PDB file of N, CA and C in Angstrom:
ATOM      1  N   UNK A   1      83.369  -8.029 -59.099  1.00  0.00           N
ATOM      2  CA  UNK A   1      82.471  -9.172 -59.179  1.00  0.00           C
ATOM      3  C   UNK A   1      81.651  -9.072 -60.469  1.00  0.00           C
ATOM      4  N   UNK A   2      81.546 -10.184 -61.162  1.00  0.00           N
ATOM      5  CA  UNK A   2      80.793 -10.237 -62.417  1.00  0.00           C
ATOM      6  C   UNK A   2      79.289 -10.386 -62.117  1.00  0.00           C
ATOM      7  N   UNK A   3      78.440  -9.577 -62.740  1.00  0.00           N
ATOM      8  CA  UNK A   3      76.986  -9.701 -62.515  1.00  0.00           C
ATOM      9  C   UNK A   3      76.452 -11.055 -62.996  1.00  0.00           C
ATOM     10  N   UNK A   4      75.449 -11.565 -62.303  1.00  0.00           N
ATOM     11  CA  UNK A   4      74.794 -12.792 -62.749  1.00  0.00           C
ATOM     12  C   UNK A   4      73.926 -12.494 -63.958  1.00  0.00           C
ATOM     13  N   UNK A   5      73.622 -13.531 -64.725  1.00  0.00           N
ATOM     14  CA  UNK A   5      72.679 -13.381 -65.828  1.00  0.00           C
ATOM     15  C   UNK A   5      71.820 -14.643 -65.900  1.00  0.00           C
ATOM     16  N   UNK A   6      70.848 -14.642 -66.775  1.00  0.00           N
ATOM     17  CA  UNK A   6      69.879 -15.740 -66.834  1.00  0.00           C
ATOM     18  C   UNK A   6      70.490 -17.082 -67.225  1.00  0.00           C
ATOM     19  N   UNK A   7      71.727 -17.061 -67.705  1.00  0.00           N
ATOM     20  CA  UNK A   7      72.389 -18.301 -68.117  1.00  0.00           C
ATOM     21  C   UNK A   7      73.242 -18.925 -67.007  1.00  0.00           C
ATOM     22  N   UNK A   8      73.327 -18.260 -65.861  1.00  0.00           N
ATOM     23  CA  UNK A   8      74.176 -18.738 -64.774  1.00  0.00           C
ATOM     24  C   UNK A   8      73.533 -19.830 -63.919  1.00  0.00           C
ATOM     25  N   UNK A   9      72.257 -20.063 -64.103  1.00  0.00           N
ATOM     26  CA  UNK A   9      71.543 -21.044 -63.288  1.00  0.00           C
ATOM     27  C   UNK A   9      70.304 -21.464 -64.057  1.00  0.00           C
ATOM     28  N   UNK A  10      69.631 -22.471 -63.586  1.00  0.00           N
ATOM     29  CA  UNK A  10      68.365 -22.871 -64.211  1.00  0.00           C
ATOM     30  C   UNK A  10      67.358 -21.725 -64.048  1.00  0.00           C
ATOM     31  N   UNK A  11      66.837 -21.220 -65.171  1.00  0.00           N
ATOM     32  CA  UNK A  11      65.932 -20.062 -65.132  1.00  0.00           C
ATOM     33  C   UNK A  11      64.765 -20.296 -66.082  1.00  0.00           C
ATOM     34  N   UNK A  12      63.641 -20.671 -65.521  1.00  0.00           N
ATOM     35  CA  UNK A  12      62.415 -20.863 -66.303  1.00  0.00           C
ATOM     36  C   UNK A  12      61.740 -19.506 -66.457  1.00  0.00           C
ATOM     37  N   UNK A  13      61.256 -19.165 -67.657  1.00  0.00           N
ATOM     38  CA  UNK A  13      60.642 -17.846 -67.876  1.00  0.00           C
ATOM     39  C   UNK A  13      59.467 -17.569 -66.939  1.00  0.00           C
ATOM     40  N   UNK A  14      59.228 -16.285 -66.719  1.00  0.00           N
ATOM     41  CA  UNK A  14      58.133 -15.839 -65.858  1.00  0.00           C
ATOM     42  C   UNK A  14      56.800 -16.319 -66.442  1.00  0.00           C
ATOM     43  N   UNK A  15      55.897 -16.802 -65.596  1.00  0.00           N
ATOM     44  CA  UNK A  15      54.644 -17.384 -66.091  1.00  0.00           C
ATOM     45  C   UNK A  15      53.640 -16.339 -66.594  1.00  0.00           C
ATOM     46  N   UNK A  16      52.749 -16.798 -67.442  1.00  0.00           N
ATOM     47  CA  UNK A  16      51.675 -15.949 -67.948  1.00  0.00           C
ATOM     48  C   UNK A  16      50.741 -15.518 -66.809  1.00  0.00           C
ATOM     49  N   UNK A  17      50.441 -16.454 -65.899  1.00  0.00           N
ATOM     50  CA  UNK A  17      49.541 -16.159 -64.784  1.00  0.00           C
ATOM     51  C   UNK A  17      50.309 -15.392 -63.720  1.00  0.00           C
ATOM     52  N   UNK A  18      49.992 -14.102 -63.592  1.00  0.00           N
ATOM     53  CA  UNK A  18      50.685 -13.281 -62.606  1.00  0.00           C
ATOM     54  C   UNK A  18      49.800 -12.116 -62.167  1.00  0.00           C
ATOM     55  N   UNK A  19      50.259 -11.461 -61.139  1.00  0.00           N
ATOM     56  CA  UNK A  19      49.571 -10.294 -60.595  1.00  0.00           C
ATOM     57  C   UNK A  19      50.586  -9.168 -60.478  1.00  0.00           C
ATOM     58  N   UNK A  20      50.173  -7.961 -60.816  1.00  0.00           N
ATOM     59  CA  UNK A  20      51.052  -6.801 -60.737  1.00  0.00           C
ATOM     60  C   UNK A  20      50.682  -5.970 -59.512  1.00  0.00           C
ATOM     61  N   UNK A  21      51.705  -5.548 -58.780  1.00  0.00           N
ATOM     62  CA  UNK A  21      51.488  -4.631 -57.664  1.00  0.00           C
ATOM     63  C   UNK A  21      52.461  -3.461 -57.789  1.00  0.00           C
ATOM     64  N   UNK A  22      52.113  -2.366 -57.168  1.00  0.00           N
ATOM     65  CA  UNK A  22      52.954  -1.169 -57.165  1.00  0.00           C
ATOM     66  C   UNK A  22      53.871  -1.216 -55.946  1.00  0.00           C
ATOM     67  N   UNK A  23      55.132  -0.907 -56.166  1.00  0.00           N
ATOM     68  CA  UNK A  23      56.107  -0.797 -55.085  1.00  0.00           C
ATOM     69  C   UNK A  23      56.627   0.630 -55.045  1.00  0.00           C
ATOM     70  N   UNK A  24      57.200   1.000 -53.933  1.00  0.00           N
ATOM     71  CA  UNK A  24      57.826   2.315 -53.816  1.00  0.00           C
ATOM     72  C   UNK A  24      59.019   2.201 -52.875  1.00  0.00           C
ATOM     73  N   UNK A  25      59.952   1.338 -53.240  1.00  0.00           N
ATOM     74  CA  UNK A  25      61.138   1.129 -52.413  1.00  0.00           C
ATOM     75  C   UNK A  25      62.303   1.896 -53.027  1.00  0.00           C
ATOM     76  N   UNK A  26      62.884   2.784 -52.254  1.00  0.00           N
ATOM     77  CA  UNK A  26      64.018   3.589 -52.704  1.00  0.00           C
ATOM     78  C   UNK A  26      65.310   2.888 -52.315  1.00  0.00           C
ATOM     79  N   UNK A  27      66.249   2.881 -53.246  1.00  0.00           N
ATOM     80  CA  UNK A  27      67.560   2.281 -53.009  1.00  0.00           C
ATOM     81  C   UNK A  27      68.633   3.358 -53.021  1.00  0.00           C
ATOM     82  N   UNK A  28      69.642   3.196 -52.209  1.00  0.00           N
ATOM     83  CA  UNK A  28      70.809   4.069 -52.307  1.00  0.00           C
ATOM     84  C   UNK A  28      71.570   3.677 -53.576  1.00  0.00           C
ATOM     85  N   UNK A  29      72.453   4.532 -54.027  1.00  0.00           N
ATOM     86  CA  UNK A  29      73.294   4.181 -55.185  1.00  0.00           C
ATOM     87  C   UNK A  29      74.101   2.924 -54.885  1.00  0.00           C
ATOM     88  N   UNK A  30      74.635   2.841 -53.675  1.00  0.00           N
ATOM     89  CA  UNK A  30      75.415   1.676 -53.268  1.00  0.00           C
ATOM     90  C   UNK A  30      74.547   0.417 -53.254  1.00  0.00           C
ATOM     91  N   UNK A  31      73.332   0.539 -52.736  1.00  0.00           N
ATOM     92  CA  UNK A  31      72.411  -0.591 -52.703  1.00  0.00           C
ATOM     93  C   UNK A  31      72.017  -1.039 -54.099  1.00  0.00           C
ATOM     94  N   UNK A  32      71.732  -0.076 -54.973  1.00  0.00           N
ATOM     95  CA  UNK A  32      71.378  -0.389 -56.354  1.00  0.00           C
ATOM     96  C   UNK A  32      72.518  -1.133 -57.050  1.00  0.00           C
ATOM     97  N   UNK A  33      73.743  -0.604 -56.915  1.00  0.00           N
ATOM     98  CA  UNK A  33      74.900  -1.236 -57.568  1.00  0.00           C
ATOM     99  C   UNK A  33      75.148  -2.642 -57.041  1.00  0.00           C
ATOM    100  N   UNK A  34      74.890  -2.866 -55.762  1.00  0.00           N
ATOM    101  CA  UNK A  34      75.037  -4.214 -55.195  1.00  0.00           C
ATOM    102  C   UNK A  34      73.919  -5.127 -55.680  1.00  0.00           C
ATOM    103  N   UNK A  35      72.699  -4.606 -55.760  1.00  0.00           N
ATOM    104  CA  UNK A  35      71.546  -5.417 -56.163  1.00  0.00           C
ATOM    105  C   UNK A  35      71.656  -5.901 -57.599  1.00  0.00           C
ATOM    106  N   UNK A  36      72.083  -5.035 -58.512  1.00  0.00           N
ATOM    107  CA  UNK A  36      72.121  -5.431 -59.927  1.00  0.00           C
ATOM    108  C   UNK A  36      73.215  -6.455 -60.224  1.00  0.00           C
ATOM    109  N   UNK A  37      74.087  -6.717 -59.261  1.00  0.00           N
ATOM    110  CA  UNK A  37      75.058  -7.806 -59.429  1.00  0.00           C
ATOM    111  C   UNK A  37      74.372  -9.162 -59.348  1.00  0.00           C
ATOM    112  N   UNK A  38      73.207  -9.196 -58.687  1.00  0.00           N
ATOM    113  CA  UNK A  38      72.445 -10.427 -58.590  1.00  0.00           C
ATOM    114  C   UNK A  38      73.004 -11.388 -57.560  1.00  0.00           C
ATOM    115  N   UNK A  39      72.557 -12.645 -57.664  1.00  0.00           N
ATOM    116  CA  UNK A  39      72.954 -13.646 -56.666  1.00  0.00           C
ATOM    117  C   UNK A  39      72.892 -15.045 -57.265  1.00  0.00           C
ATOM    118  N   UNK A  40      74.000 -15.769 -57.140  1.00  0.00           N
ATOM    119  CA  UNK A  40      74.058 -17.187 -57.504  1.00  0.00           C
ATOM    120  C   UNK A  40      73.982 -17.992 -56.223  1.00  0.00           C
ATOM    121  N   UNK A  41      73.168 -19.029 -56.189  1.00  0.00           N
ATOM    122  CA  UNK A  41      73.097 -19.856 -54.975  1.00  0.00           C
ATOM    123  C   UNK A  41      74.453 -20.487 -54.651  1.00  0.00           C
ATOM    124  N   UNK A  42      74.745 -20.562 -53.353  1.00  0.00           N
ATOM    125  CA  UNK A  42      76.029 -21.107 -52.913  1.00  0.00           C
ATOM    126  C   UNK A  42      75.911 -22.511 -52.333  1.00  0.00           C
ATOM    127  N   UNK A  43      74.689 -22.956 -52.062  1.00  0.00           N
ATOM    128  CA  UNK A  43      74.507 -24.281 -51.478  1.00  0.00           C
ATOM    129  C   UNK A  43      73.037 -24.672 -51.486  1.00  0.00           C
ATOM    130  N   UNK A  44      72.741 -25.839 -50.949  1.00  0.00           N
ATOM    131  CA  UNK A  44      71.367 -26.356 -50.962  1.00  0.00           C
ATOM    132  C   UNK A  44      70.389 -25.498 -50.158  1.00  0.00           C
ATOM    133  N   UNK A  45      70.877 -24.827 -49.139  1.00  0.00           N
ATOM    134  CA  UNK A  45      70.002 -23.984 -48.325  1.00  0.00           C
ATOM    135  C   UNK A  45      69.778 -22.602 -48.925  1.00  0.00           C
ATOM    136  N   UNK A  46      70.482 -22.307 -49.989  1.00  0.00           N
ATOM    137  CA  UNK A  46      70.371 -21.010 -50.660  1.00  0.00           C
ATOM    138  C   UNK A  46      69.236 -21.116 -51.669  1.00  0.00           C
ATOM    139  N   UNK A  47      68.125 -20.478 -51.402  1.00  0.00           N
ATOM    140  CA  UNK A  47      66.886 -20.737 -52.137  1.00  0.00           C
ATOM    141  C   UNK A  47      66.617 -19.830 -53.333  1.00  0.00           C
ATOM    142  N   UNK A  48      67.452 -18.827 -53.577  1.00  0.00           N
ATOM    143  CA  UNK A  48      67.141 -17.860 -54.630  1.00  0.00           C
ATOM    144  C   UNK A  48      68.286 -17.681 -55.606  1.00  0.00           C
ATOM    145  N   UNK A  49      67.919 -17.511 -56.858  1.00  0.00           N
ATOM    146  CA  UNK A  49      68.820 -17.110 -57.939  1.00  0.00           C
ATOM    147  C   UNK A  49      68.262 -15.787 -58.444  1.00  0.00           C
ATOM    148  N   UNK A  50      69.090 -14.747 -58.475  1.00  0.00           N
ATOM    149  CA  UNK A  50      68.625 -13.395 -58.789  1.00  0.00           C
ATOM    150  C   UNK A  50      69.535 -12.784 -59.846  1.00  0.00           C
ATOM    151  N   UNK A  51      68.926 -12.171 -60.861  1.00  0.00           N
ATOM    152  CA  UNK A  51      69.710 -11.444 -61.858  1.00  0.00           C
ATOM    153  C   UNK A  51      68.908 -10.253 -62.365  1.00  0.00           C
ATOM    154  N   UNK A  52      69.623  -9.304 -62.956  1.00  0.00           N
ATOM    155  CA  UNK A  52      69.008  -8.095 -63.510  1.00  0.00           C
ATOM    156  C   UNK A  52      69.193  -8.104 -65.025  1.00  0.00           C
ATOM    157  N   UNK A  53      68.111  -7.764 -65.731  1.00  0.00           N
ATOM    158  CA  UNK A  53      68.173  -7.683 -67.194  1.00  0.00           C
ATOM    159  C   UNK A  53      67.193  -6.608 -67.660  1.00  0.00           C
ATOM    160  N   UNK A  54      67.692  -5.660 -68.427  1.00  0.00           N
ATOM    161  CA  UNK A  54      66.854  -4.617 -69.033  1.00  0.00           C
ATOM    162  C   UNK A  54      65.966  -3.914 -68.001  1.00  0.00           C
ATOM    163  N   UNK A  55      66.564  -3.479 -66.895  1.00  0.00           N
ATOM    164  CA  UNK A  55      65.879  -2.750 -65.822  1.00  0.00           C
ATOM    165  C   UNK A  55      64.833  -3.573 -65.081  1.00  0.00           C
ATOM    166  N   UNK A  56      64.920  -4.888 -65.174  1.00  0.00           N
ATOM    167  CA  UNK A  56      64.055  -5.797 -64.415  1.00  0.00           C
ATOM    168  C   UNK A  56      64.933  -6.718 -63.582  1.00  0.00           C
ATOM    169  N   UNK A  57      64.514  -6.930 -62.348  1.00  0.00           N
ATOM    170  CA  UNK A  57      65.171  -7.855 -61.452  1.00  0.00           C
ATOM    171  C   UNK A  57      64.332  -9.130 -61.405  1.00  0.00           C
ATOM    172  N   UNK A  58      64.949 -10.273 -61.661  1.00  0.00           N
ATOM    173  CA  UNK A  58      64.247 -11.556 -61.702  1.00  0.00           C
ATOM    174  C   UNK A  58      64.654 -12.397 -60.498  1.00  0.00           C
ATOM    175  N   UNK A  59      63.675 -12.907 -59.764  1.00  0.00           N
ATOM    176  CA  UNK A  59      63.913 -13.744 -58.602  1.00  0.00           C
ATOM    177  C   UNK A  59      63.373 -15.140 -58.890  1.00  0.00           C
ATOM    178  N   UNK A  60      64.281 -16.103 -59.009  1.00  0.00           N
ATOM    179  CA  UNK A  60      63.940 -17.499 -59.310  1.00  0.00           C
ATOM    180  C   UNK A  60      64.209 -18.363 -58.092  1.00  0.00           C
ATOM    181  N   UNK A  61      63.398 -19.381 -57.898  1.00  0.00           N
ATOM    182  CA  UNK A  61      63.684 -20.386 -56.886  1.00  0.00           C
ATOM    183  C   UNK A  61      64.858 -21.214 -57.397  1.00  0.00           C
ATOM    184  N   UNK A  62      65.849 -21.421 -56.553  1.00  0.00           N
ATOM    185  CA  UNK A  62      67.079 -22.064 -57.012  1.00  0.00           C
ATOM    186  C   UNK A  62      66.890 -23.549 -57.344  1.00  0.00           C
ATOM    187  N   UNK A  63      66.053 -24.252 -56.630  1.00  0.00           N
ATOM    188  CA  UNK A  63      65.894 -25.689 -56.872  1.00  0.00           C
ATOM    189  C   UNK A  63      65.124 -25.978 -58.146  1.00  0.00           C
ATOM    190  N   UNK A  64      64.062 -25.204 -58.403  1.00  0.00           N
ATOM    191  CA  UNK A  64      63.187 -25.484 -59.548  1.00  0.00           C
ATOM    192  C   UNK A  64      63.482 -24.615 -60.768  1.00  0.00           C
ATOM    193  N   UNK A  65      64.064 -23.446 -60.541  1.00  0.00           N
ATOM    194  CA  UNK A  65      64.284 -22.492 -61.623  1.00  0.00           C
ATOM    195  C   UNK A  65      63.077 -21.629 -61.921  1.00  0.00           C
ATOM    196  N   UNK A  66      61.966 -21.853 -61.209  1.00  0.00           N
ATOM    197  CA  UNK A  66      60.752 -21.065 -61.461  1.00  0.00           C
ATOM    198  C   UNK A  66      60.986 -19.593 -61.124  1.00  0.00           C
ATOM    199  N   UNK A  67      60.549 -18.720 -62.021  1.00  0.00           N
ATOM    200  CA  UNK A  67      60.613 -17.283 -61.766  1.00  0.00           C
ATOM    201  C   UNK A  67      59.372 -16.912 -60.956  1.00  0.00           C
ATOM    202  N   UNK A  68      59.577 -16.498 -59.723  1.00  0.00           N
ATOM    203  CA  UNK A  68      58.482 -16.202 -58.810  1.00  0.00           C
ATOM    204  C   UNK A  68      58.126 -14.722 -58.833  1.00  0.00           C
ATOM    205  N   UNK A  69      59.136 -13.870 -58.933  1.00  0.00           N
ATOM    206  CA  UNK A  69      58.912 -12.426 -58.941  1.00  0.00           C
ATOM    207  C   UNK A  69      59.763 -11.780 -60.022  1.00  0.00           C
ATOM    208  N   UNK A  70      59.214 -10.741 -60.655  1.00  0.00           N
ATOM    209  CA  UNK A  70      60.054  -9.855 -61.460  1.00  0.00           C
ATOM    210  C   UNK A  70      59.706  -8.440 -61.043  1.00  0.00           C
ATOM    211  N   UNK A  71      60.754  -7.633 -60.878  1.00  0.00           N
ATOM    212  CA  UNK A  71      60.622  -6.329 -60.239  1.00  0.00           C
ATOM    213  C   UNK A  71      61.246  -5.263 -61.127  1.00  0.00           C
ATOM    214  N   UNK A  72      60.519  -4.187 -61.337  1.00  0.00           N
ATOM    215  CA  UNK A  72      60.966  -3.080 -62.194  1.00  0.00           C
ATOM    216  C   UNK A  72      61.871  -2.138 -61.412  1.00  0.00           C
ATOM    217  N   UNK A  73      63.033  -1.839 -61.991  1.00  0.00           N
ATOM    218  CA  UNK A  73      63.977  -0.884 -61.418  1.00  0.00           C
ATOM    219  C   UNK A  73      63.948   0.384 -62.262  1.00  0.00           C
ATOM    220  N   UNK A  74      63.686   1.517 -61.625  1.00  0.00           N
ATOM    221  CA  UNK A  74      63.620   2.790 -62.342  1.00  0.00           C
ATOM    222  C   UNK A  74      64.460   3.842 -61.648  1.00  0.00           C
ATOM    223  N   UNK A  75      64.906   4.819 -62.427  1.00  0.00           N
ATOM    224  CA  UNK A  75      65.561   6.012 -61.895  1.00  0.00           C
ATOM    225  C   UNK A  75      64.515   7.120 -61.944  1.00  0.00           C
ATOM    226  N   UNK A  76      64.123   7.616 -60.779  1.00  0.00           N
ATOM    227  CA  UNK A  76      63.106   8.668 -60.691  1.00  0.00           C
ATOM    228  C   UNK A  76      63.637   9.773 -59.794  1.00  0.00           C
ATOM    229  N   UNK A  77      63.667  10.989 -60.333  1.00  0.00           N
ATOM    230  CA  UNK A  77      64.145  12.155 -59.579  1.00  0.00           C
ATOM    231  C   UNK A  77      65.511  11.918 -58.946  1.00  0.00           C
ATOM    232  N   UNK A  78      66.387  11.245 -59.679  1.00  0.00           N
ATOM    233  CA  UNK A  78      67.741  11.016 -59.199  1.00  0.00           C
ATOM    234  C   UNK A  78      67.887   9.880 -58.202  1.00  0.00           C
ATOM    235  N   UNK A  79      66.809   9.146 -57.964  1.00  0.00           N
ATOM    236  CA  UNK A  79      66.853   8.019 -57.032  1.00  0.00           C
ATOM    237  C   UNK A  79      66.504   6.722 -57.749  1.00  0.00           C
ATOM    238  N   UNK A  80      67.179   5.643 -57.354  1.00  0.00           N
ATOM    239  CA  UNK A  80      66.819   4.319 -57.853  1.00  0.00           C
ATOM    240  C   UNK A  80      65.647   3.808 -57.027  1.00  0.00           C
ATOM    241  N   UNK A  81      64.627   3.305 -57.719  1.00  0.00           N
ATOM    242  CA  UNK A  81      63.434   2.814 -57.033  1.00  0.00           C
ATOM    243  C   UNK A  81      62.965   1.495 -57.634  1.00  0.00           C
ATOM    244  N   UNK A  82      62.402   0.674 -56.772  1.00  0.00           N
ATOM    245  CA  UNK A  82      61.661  -0.500 -57.213  1.00  0.00           C
ATOM    246  C   UNK A  82      60.226  -0.019 -57.328  1.00  0.00           C
ATOM    247  N   UNK A  83      59.683  -0.003 -58.547  1.00  0.00           N
ATOM    248  CA  UNK A  83      58.393   0.656 -58.767  1.00  0.00           C
ATOM    249  C   UNK A  83      57.214  -0.288 -58.941  1.00  0.00           C
ATOM    250  N   UNK A  84      57.474  -1.505 -59.393  1.00  0.00           N
ATOM    251  CA  UNK A  84      56.381  -2.468 -59.534  1.00  0.00           C
ATOM    252  C   UNK A  84      56.944  -3.873 -59.437  1.00  0.00           C
ATOM    253  N   UNK A  85      56.082  -4.778 -59.025  1.00  0.00           N
ATOM    254  CA  UNK A  85      56.467  -6.181 -58.959  1.00  0.00           C
ATOM    255  C   UNK A  85      55.388  -7.005 -59.626  1.00  0.00           C
ATOM    256  N   UNK A  86      55.807  -8.005 -60.351  1.00  0.00           N
ATOM    257  CA  UNK A  86      54.895  -8.972 -60.935  1.00  0.00           C
ATOM    258  C   UNK A  86      55.091 -10.265 -60.147  1.00  0.00           C
ATOM    259  N   UNK A  87      53.996 -10.790 -59.622  1.00  0.00           N
ATOM    260  CA  UNK A  87      54.023 -11.938 -58.731  1.00  0.00           C
ATOM    261  C   UNK A  87      53.453 -13.146 -59.450  1.00  0.00           C
ATOM    262  N   UNK A  88      54.194 -14.238 -59.468  1.00  0.00           N
ATOM    263  CA  UNK A  88      53.693 -15.456 -60.108  1.00  0.00           C
ATOM    264  C   UNK A  88      52.414 -15.906 -59.419  1.00  0.00           C
ATOM    265  N   UNK A  89      51.444 -16.275 -60.236  1.00  0.00           N
ATOM    266  CA  UNK A  89      50.198 -16.837 -59.714  1.00  0.00           C
ATOM    267  C   UNK A  89      49.917 -18.201 -60.356  1.00  0.00           C
ATOM    268  N   UNK A  90      50.987 -18.791 -60.898  1.00  0.00           N
ATOM    269  CA  UNK A  90      50.897 -20.145 -61.441  1.00  0.00           C
ATOM    270  C   UNK A  90      50.904 -21.106 -60.255  1.00  0.00           C
ATOM    271  N   UNK A  91      49.776 -21.694 -59.951  1.00  0.00           N
ATOM    272  CA  UNK A  91      49.630 -22.559 -58.776  1.00  0.00           C
ATOM    273  C   UNK A  91      50.516 -23.805 -58.822  1.00  0.00           C
ATOM    274  N   UNK A  92      50.952 -24.203 -60.009  1.00  0.00           N
ATOM    275  CA  UNK A  92      51.854 -25.346 -60.113  1.00  0.00           C
ATOM    276  C   UNK A  92      53.290 -24.975 -59.740  1.00  0.00           C
ATOM    277  N   UNK A  93      53.587 -23.667 -59.763  1.00  0.00           N
ATOM    278  CA  UNK A  93      54.941 -23.212 -59.481  1.00  0.00           C
ATOM    279  C   UNK A  93      55.073 -22.526 -58.122  1.00  0.00           C
ATOM    280  N   UNK A  94      54.011 -21.854 -57.673  1.00  0.00           N
ATOM    281  CA  UNK A  94      54.128 -21.029 -56.466  1.00  0.00           C
ATOM    282  C   UNK A  94      52.757 -20.829 -55.852  1.00  0.00           C
ATOM    283  N   UNK A  95      52.682 -21.055 -54.570  1.00  0.00           N
ATOM    284  CA  UNK A  95      51.430 -20.847 -53.833  1.00  0.00           C
ATOM    285  C   UNK A  95      51.649 -19.749 -52.806  1.00  0.00           C
ATOM    286  N   UNK A  96      51.084 -18.617 -53.094  1.00  0.00           N
ATOM    287  CA  UNK A  96      51.237 -17.458 -52.227  1.00  0.00           C
ATOM    288  C   UNK A  96      50.108 -17.412 -51.207  1.00  0.00           C
ATOM    289  N   UNK A  97      50.438 -16.962 -50.007  1.00  0.00           N
ATOM    290  CA  UNK A  97      49.392 -16.795 -49.003  1.00  0.00           C
ATOM    291  C   UNK A  97      48.752 -15.414 -49.102  1.00  0.00           C
ATOM    292  N   UNK A  98      49.511 -14.411 -49.584  1.00  0.00           N
ATOM    293  CA  UNK A  98      48.953 -13.059 -49.732  1.00  0.00           C
ATOM    294  C   UNK A  98      49.964 -12.146 -50.429  1.00  0.00           C
ATOM    295  N   UNK A  99      49.465 -11.027 -50.944  1.00  0.00           N
ATOM    296  CA  UNK A  99      50.363 -10.025 -51.529  1.00  0.00           C
ATOM    297  C   UNK A  99      51.327  -9.500 -50.472  1.00  0.00           C
ATOM    298  N   UNK A 100      50.819  -9.344 -49.259  1.00  0.00           N
ATOM    299  CA  UNK A 100      51.649  -8.814 -48.172  1.00  0.00           C
ATOM    300  C   UNK A 100      52.830  -9.741 -47.880  1.00  0.00           C
ATOM    301  N   UNK A 101      52.567 -11.052 -47.860  1.00  0.00           N
ATOM    302  CA  UNK A 101      53.673 -11.988 -47.612  1.00  0.00           C
ATOM    303  C   UNK A 101      54.645 -11.996 -48.792  1.00  0.00           C
ATOM    304  N   UNK A 102      54.134 -11.823 -50.008  1.00  0.00           N
ATOM    305  CA  UNK A 102      55.018 -11.732 -51.177  1.00  0.00           C
ATOM    306  C   UNK A 102      55.929 -10.509 -51.066  1.00  0.00           C
ATOM    307  N   UNK A 103      55.383  -9.388 -50.639  1.00  0.00           N
ATOM    308  CA  UNK A 103      56.191  -8.169 -50.475  1.00  0.00           C
ATOM    309  C   UNK A 103      57.260  -8.383 -49.409  1.00  0.00           C
ATOM    310  N   UNK A 104      56.910  -9.080 -48.331  1.00  0.00           N
ATOM    311  CA  UNK A 104      57.901  -9.391 -47.294  1.00  0.00           C
ATOM    312  C   UNK A 104      59.025 -10.245 -47.855  1.00  0.00           C
ATOM    313  N   UNK A 105      58.688 -11.249 -48.663  1.00  0.00           N
ATOM    314  CA  UNK A 105      59.709 -12.112 -49.265  1.00  0.00           C
ATOM    315  C   UNK A 105      60.592 -11.295 -50.207  1.00  0.00           C
ATOM    316  N   UNK A 106      59.968 -10.473 -51.045  1.00  0.00           N
ATOM    317  CA  UNK A 106      60.734  -9.627 -51.969  1.00  0.00           C
ATOM    318  C   UNK A 106      61.727  -8.762 -51.199  1.00  0.00           C
ATOM    319  N   UNK A 107      61.257  -8.079 -50.158  1.00  0.00           N
ATOM    320  CA  UNK A 107      62.139  -7.210 -49.377  1.00  0.00           C
ATOM    321  C   UNK A 107      63.256  -7.998 -48.707  1.00  0.00           C
ATOM    322  N   UNK A 108      62.942  -9.176 -48.191  1.00  0.00           N
ATOM    323  CA  UNK A 108      63.947 -10.004 -47.542  1.00  0.00           C
ATOM    324  C   UNK A 108      65.026 -10.431 -48.533  1.00  0.00           C
ATOM    325  N   UNK A 109      64.611 -10.919 -49.698  1.00  0.00           N
ATOM    326  CA  UNK A 109      65.582 -11.379 -50.698  1.00  0.00           C
ATOM    327  C   UNK A 109      66.434 -10.208 -51.190  1.00  0.00           C
ATOM    328  N   UNK A 110      65.809  -9.091 -51.478  1.00  0.00           N
ATOM    329  CA  UNK A 110      66.556  -7.919 -51.952  1.00  0.00           C
ATOM    330  C   UNK A 110      67.573  -7.470 -50.906  1.00  0.00           C
ATOM    331  N   UNK A 111      67.146  -7.379 -49.657  1.00  0.00           N
ATOM    332  CA  UNK A 111      68.065  -6.955 -48.593  1.00  0.00           C
ATOM    333  C   UNK A 111      69.230  -7.935 -48.442  1.00  0.00           C
ATOM    334  N   UNK A 112      68.938  -9.244 -48.549  1.00  0.00           N
ATOM    335  CA  UNK A 112      70.010 -10.241 -48.440  1.00  0.00           C
ATOM    336  C   UNK A 112      71.006 -10.159 -49.597  1.00  0.00           C
ATOM    337  N   UNK A 113      70.485  -9.952 -50.816  1.00  0.00           N
ATOM    338  CA  UNK A 113      71.370  -9.818 -51.983  1.00  0.00           C
ATOM    339  C   UNK A 113      72.265  -8.602 -51.829  1.00  0.00           C
ATOM    340  N   UNK A 114      71.683  -7.480 -51.416  1.00  0.00           N
ATOM    341  CA  UNK A 114      72.485  -6.259 -51.240  1.00  0.00           C
ATOM    342  C   UNK A 114      73.558  -6.482 -50.182  1.00  0.00           C
ATOM    343  N   UNK A 115      73.170  -7.005 -49.027  1.00  0.00           N
ATOM    344  CA  UNK A 115      74.145  -7.223 -47.935  1.00  0.00           C
ATOM    345  C   UNK A 115      75.244  -8.185 -48.370  1.00  0.00           C
ATOM    346  N   UNK A 116      74.870  -9.280 -49.031  1.00  0.00           N
ATOM    347  CA  UNK A 116      75.843 -10.267 -49.476  1.00  0.00           C
ATOM    348  C   UNK A 116      76.843  -9.654 -50.456  1.00  0.00           C
ATOM    349  N   UNK A 117      76.337  -8.856 -51.403  1.00  0.00           N
ATOM    350  CA  UNK A 117      77.223  -8.268 -52.411  1.00  0.00           C
ATOM    351  C   UNK A 117      78.065  -7.141 -51.852  1.00  0.00           C
ATOM    352  N   UNK A 118      77.587  -6.441 -50.846  1.00  0.00           N
ATOM    353  CA  UNK A 118      78.401  -5.385 -50.235  1.00  0.00           C
ATOM    354  C   UNK A 118      79.555  -5.991 -49.427  1.00  0.00           C
ATOM    355  N   UNK A 119      79.365  -7.211 -48.909  1.00  0.00           N
ATOM    356  CA  UNK A 119      80.437  -7.892 -48.166  1.00  0.00           C
ATOM    357  C   UNK A 119      81.511  -8.440 -49.080  1.00  0.00           C
ATOM    358  N   UNK A 120      81.146  -8.735 -50.325  1.00  0.00           N
ATOM    359  CA  UNK A 120      82.101  -9.368 -51.265  1.00  0.00           C
ATOM    360  C   UNK A 120      83.135  -8.407 -51.777  1.00  0.00           C
TER     361      UNK A 120
END
């Protein structure tokens, strides 16, 4: 499977207004390899476009192209980890209810991308 890139879908750059949080999510090698393949939306109900570039994972809303999250991927002590996330705080593009709900969305999207790519 060919990895997605920023040219595969509408991708508006990450906004200036954002918030940074620390993450500590460990990925298996298999999970990491599946995640960096990214995700192209398959239909109208598919809400995310995801790609990896220069050790950053970008999560865009598929309908608008807005980049809502960008997540740092690092290799630490032999493990792949998600170490930080930048959360869009541009109120015209994304209205977050809390950092906690953003982390839940990030984990949900990442888990779905990994599962989808492992099935392919």
